[in-house]
């Protein structure tokens, strides 16, 4: 399966790893062409992040392993884009 984009909900401890350390291990995952890490929640012990990863044939298993090995926790996969082209989300009107 050609995974082209993943939107991940990830938490880390306040102290370690740093956001830069997480970015560094994500960048090395096979298939990753780019990533965006946005901090969206900070409390006394943890920092919540939204991580968008894009590329061609992203190795999800290697990505998951890299994130957990560096000391962060992958909570959920909130978006997956697969196939030969990227299909953007179109909000529904109700």
Protein backbone atom coordinates (compact mmCIF):
# COMPACT_ATOMS: atom_id res chain seq x y z
CA UNK A 1 0.00 0.00 0.00
CA UNK A 2 1.33 3.43 -0.94
CA UNK A 3 0.94 5.54 2.20
CA UNK A 4 1.32 9.18 1.18
CA UNK A 5 0.22 11.08 4.30
CA UNK A 6 -0.40 10.31 7.96
CA UNK A 7 -1.80 12.60 10.62
CA UNK A 8 -0.74 11.35 14.04
CA UNK A 9 -1.72 12.27 17.61
CA UNK A 10 1.47 11.94 19.67
CA UNK A 11 2.33 12.78 23.29
CA UNK A 12 5.73 13.17 24.91
CA UNK A 13 7.04 13.98 28.37
CA UNK A 14 7.81 17.65 28.99
CA UNK A 15 11.52 16.98 29.54
CA UNK A 16 12.47 14.44 26.88
CA UNK A 17 12.51 13.81 23.99
CA UNK A 18 12.64 17.23 22.42
CA UNK A 19 10.45 18.05 19.43
CA UNK A 20 13.65 18.27 17.37
CA UNK A 21 14.67 14.74 18.42
CA UNK A 22 11.27 13.46 17.31
CA UNK A 23 11.59 15.31 14.00
CA UNK A 24 15.04 13.84 13.45
CA UNK A 25 13.91 10.22 13.84
CA UNK A 26 10.80 10.78 11.69
CA UNK A 27 12.89 12.28 8.88
CA UNK A 28 15.01 9.09 8.73
CA UNK A 29 12.02 6.74 8.22
CA UNK A 30 11.91 5.18 4.73
CA UNK A 31 9.44 6.96 2.47
CA UNK A 32 9.21 10.17 4.50
CA UNK A 33 9.75 13.29 2.37
CA UNK A 34 8.61 15.81 4.99
CA UNK A 35 6.94 16.23 8.34
CA UNK A 36 5.20 18.95 10.32
CA UNK A 37 5.04 18.83 14.12
CA UNK A 38 2.60 21.17 15.84
CA UNK A 39 2.37 21.37 19.62
CA UNK A 40 -1.31 21.62 20.49
CA UNK A 41 -1.46 20.90 24.22
CA UNK A 42 0.87 21.41 27.18
CA UNK A 43 0.24 20.37 30.76
CA UNK A 44 2.45 19.80 33.80
CA UNK A 45 3.82 16.44 32.62
CA UNK A 46 3.12 16.01 28.89
CA UNK A 47 3.12 17.82 25.58
CA UNK A 48 0.56 16.84 22.95
CA UNK A 49 1.48 17.12 19.29
CA UNK A 50 -0.15 16.74 15.92
CA UNK A 51 2.33 15.28 13.45
CA UNK A 52 1.72 15.27 9.70
CA UNK A 53 4.04 13.06 7.66
CA UNK A 54 4.12 13.02 3.86
CA UNK A 55 6.00 11.01 1.27
CA UNK A 56 5.74 7.98 -0.97
CA UNK A 57 5.40 4.44 0.40
CA UNK A 58 5.89 5.60 4.00
CA UNK A 59 6.95 2.65 6.15
CA UNK A 60 4.30 2.89 8.90
CA UNK A 61 5.86 0.18 11.05
CA UNK A 62 9.24 1.93 10.99
CA UNK A 63 7.56 5.27 11.72
CA UNK A 64 5.66 3.87 14.71
CA UNK A 65 8.83 2.20 16.02
CA UNK A 66 10.92 5.37 15.61
CA UNK A 67 8.40 7.48 17.53
CA UNK A 68 8.12 5.03 20.42
CA UNK A 69 11.87 4.29 20.52
CA UNK A 70 12.71 7.98 20.96
CA UNK A 71 10.37 8.08 23.96
CA UNK A 72 7.09 9.50 22.64
CA UNK A 73 3.68 7.80 22.62
CA UNK A 74 1.59 7.38 19.46
CA UNK A 75 -2.06 7.71 20.54
CA UNK A 76 -3.89 7.55 17.23
CA UNK A 77 -3.74 7.81 13.47
CA UNK A 78 -6.25 10.54 12.62
CA UNK A 79 -5.81 10.67 8.85
CA UNK A 80 -4.42 8.31 6.23
CA UNK A 81 -3.94 9.16 2.56
CA UNK A 82 -3.08 6.26 0.25
CA UNK A 83 -2.95 5.59 -3.47
CA UNK A 84 -1.40 7.16 -6.53
CA UNK A 85 -2.51 10.69 -5.70
CA UNK A 86 -3.40 12.78 -2.68
CA UNK A 87 -7.10 13.32 -2.11
CA UNK A 88 -7.77 16.33 0.10
CA UNK A 89 -10.50 16.22 2.72
CA UNK A 90 -13.69 18.00 1.65
CA UNK A 91 -15.82 19.13 4.60
CA UNK A 92 -19.46 18.13 4.39
CA UNK A 93 -22.10 20.81 4.63
CA UNK A 94 -25.16 19.83 6.61
